[in-house]
Amino acid sequence: MLNDTERKLLRILFNRNGHQNTRILIPELARLAGRETGQIRKALERLHEERFIEWESDYAKVIPGWQLYAK
């Protein structure tokens, strides 16, 4: 089960990757989510472990089909 920060990040990444197809850096994610950068990194690590996203250095990409498993 995802916590609020993880769900919020997943939604931000999904919207950014799907509509604008641009990279989003951790400081910008922190600003958009209203969270600290440490919280963002921890949430990104968890999303990566749970296979919701691919995360390479400072770039995160949503793995297609995550909506089926997010329930």
C-alpha atoms as a PDB file:
ATOM      1  CA  MET A   1       0.000   0.000   0.000  1.00  0.00           C
ATOM      2  CA  LEU A   2       1.366   3.396  -0.972  1.00  0.00           C
ATOM      3  CA  ASN A   3       1.426   6.309   1.435  1.00  0.00           C
ATOM      4  CA  ASP A   4       0.216   9.811   0.535  1.00  0.00           C
ATOM      5  CA  THR A   5       3.599  11.090  -0.634  1.00  0.00           C
ATOM      6  CA  GLU A   6       4.180   8.073  -2.887  1.00  0.00           C
ATOM      7  CA  ARG A   7       0.712   8.336  -4.430  1.00  0.00           C
ATOM      8  CA  LYS A   8       1.145  12.061  -4.987  1.00  0.00           C
ATOM      9  CA  LEU A   9       4.531  11.576  -6.660  1.00  0.00           C
ATOM     10  CA  LEU A  10       3.187   8.805  -8.842  1.00  0.00           C
ATOM     11  CA  ARG A  11       0.346  11.036 -10.012  1.00  0.00           C
ATOM     12  CA  ILE A  12       2.704  13.980 -10.688  1.00  0.00           C
ATOM     13  CA  LEU A  13       5.098  11.749 -12.631  1.00  0.00           C
ATOM     14  CA  PHE A  14       2.275  10.143 -14.581  1.00  0.00           C
ATOM     15  CA  ASN A  15       0.870  13.516 -15.600  1.00  0.00           C
ATOM     16  CA  ARG A  16       4.277  14.991 -16.431  1.00  0.00           C
ATOM     17  CA  ASN A  17       5.503  11.975 -18.411  1.00  0.00           C
ATOM     18  CA  GLY A  18       2.204  11.426 -20.178  1.00  0.00           C
ATOM     19  CA  HIS A  19       1.317  14.951 -21.182  1.00  0.00           C
ATOM     20  CA  GLN A  20       4.541  16.912 -21.400  1.00  0.00           C
ATOM     21  CA  ASN A  21       7.079  14.077 -21.801  1.00  0.00           C
ATOM     22  CA  THR A  22       9.747  16.081 -19.996  1.00  0.00           C
ATOM     23  CA  ARG A  23      12.217  15.337 -17.228  1.00  0.00           C
ATOM     24  CA  ILE A  24      11.352  16.468 -13.751  1.00  0.00           C
ATOM     25  CA  LEU A  25      14.092  16.929 -11.172  1.00  0.00           C
ATOM     26  CA  ILE A  26      13.819  16.155  -7.467  1.00  0.00           C
ATOM     27  CA  PRO A  27      13.759  19.831  -6.353  1.00  0.00           C
ATOM     28  CA  GLU A  28      10.857  20.467  -8.731  1.00  0.00           C
ATOM     29  CA  LEU A  29       9.071  17.349  -7.482  1.00  0.00           C
ATOM     30  CA  ALA A  30       9.522  18.597  -3.932  1.00  0.00           C
ATOM     31  CA  ARG A  31       8.040  21.961  -4.873  1.00  0.00           C
ATOM     32  CA  LEU A  32       5.060  20.438  -6.693  1.00  0.00           C
ATOM     33  CA  ALA A  33       4.360  17.894  -3.954  1.00  0.00           C
ATOM     34  CA  GLY A  34       4.952  20.309  -1.087  1.00  0.00           C
ATOM     35  CA  ARG A  35       7.406  17.896   0.545  1.00  0.00           C
ATOM     36  CA  GLU A  36      11.075  17.925   1.588  1.00  0.00           C
ATOM     37  CA  THR A  37      13.670  16.546  -0.847  1.00  0.00           C
ATOM     38  CA  GLY A  38      14.518  13.773   1.641  1.00  0.00           C
ATOM     39  CA  GLN A  39      10.890  12.637   1.649  1.00  0.00           C
ATOM     40  CA  ILE A  40      10.875  12.720  -2.156  1.00  0.00           C
ATOM     41  CA  ARG A  41      14.009  10.564  -2.443  1.00  0.00           C
ATOM     42  CA  LYS A  42      12.647   8.044   0.057  1.00  0.00           C
ATOM     43  CA  ALA A  43       9.299   7.859  -1.778  1.00  0.00           C
ATOM     44  CA  LEU A  44      11.047   7.479  -5.157  1.00  0.00           C
ATOM     45  CA  GLU A  45      13.157   4.640  -3.769  1.00  0.00           C
ATOM     46  CA  ARG A  46      10.023   2.870  -2.542  1.00  0.00           C
ATOM     47  CA  LEU A  47       8.205   3.393  -5.857  1.00  0.00           C
ATOM     48  CA  HIS A  48      11.240   1.983  -7.648  1.00  0.00           C
ATOM     49  CA  GLU A  49      11.386  -1.039  -5.306  1.00  0.00           C
ATOM     50  CA  GLU A  50       7.678  -1.687  -5.878  1.00  0.00           C
ATOM     51  CA  ARG A  51       8.248  -1.398  -9.671  1.00  0.00           C
ATOM     52  CA  PHE A  52       5.945   1.559 -10.223  1.00  0.00           C
ATOM     53  CA  ILE A  53       8.714   3.683 -11.746  1.00  0.00           C
ATOM     54  CA  GLU A  54      12.100   3.447 -13.406  1.00  0.00           C
ATOM     55  CA  TRP A  55      14.532   5.771 -11.658  1.00  0.00           C
ATOM     56  CA  GLU A  56      17.909   6.676 -13.136  1.00  0.00           C
ATOM     57  CA  SER A  57      19.963   9.220 -11.157  1.00  0.00           C
ATOM     58  CA  ASP A  58      17.664  12.263 -11.213  1.00  0.00           C
ATOM     59  CA  TYR A  59      15.136  11.089 -13.801  1.00  0.00           C
ATOM     60  CA  ALA A  60      12.038   9.072 -12.950  1.00  0.00           C
ATOM     61  CA  LYS A  61       9.689   7.492 -15.477  1.00  0.00           C
ATOM     62  CA  VAL A  62       6.380   5.747 -14.772  1.00  0.00           C
ATOM     63  CA  ILE A  63       6.230   2.133 -15.918  1.00  0.00           C
ATOM     64  CA  PRO A  64       3.161   1.602 -18.151  1.00  0.00           C
ATOM     65  CA  GLY A  65       0.389  -0.421 -16.588  1.00  0.00           C
ATOM     66  CA  TRP A  66       0.940   0.695 -12.976  1.00  0.00           C
ATOM     67  CA  GLN A  67      -2.724   1.670 -12.711  1.00  0.00           C
ATOM     68  CA  LEU A  68      -3.688  -2.017 -12.731  1.00  0.00           C
ATOM     69  CA  TYR A  69      -1.534  -2.765  -9.682  1.00  0.00           C
ATOM     70  CA  ALA A  70      -2.029   0.418  -7.650  1.00  0.00           C
ATOM     71  CA  LYS A  71      -5.309  -0.695  -6.093  1.00  0.00           C
END
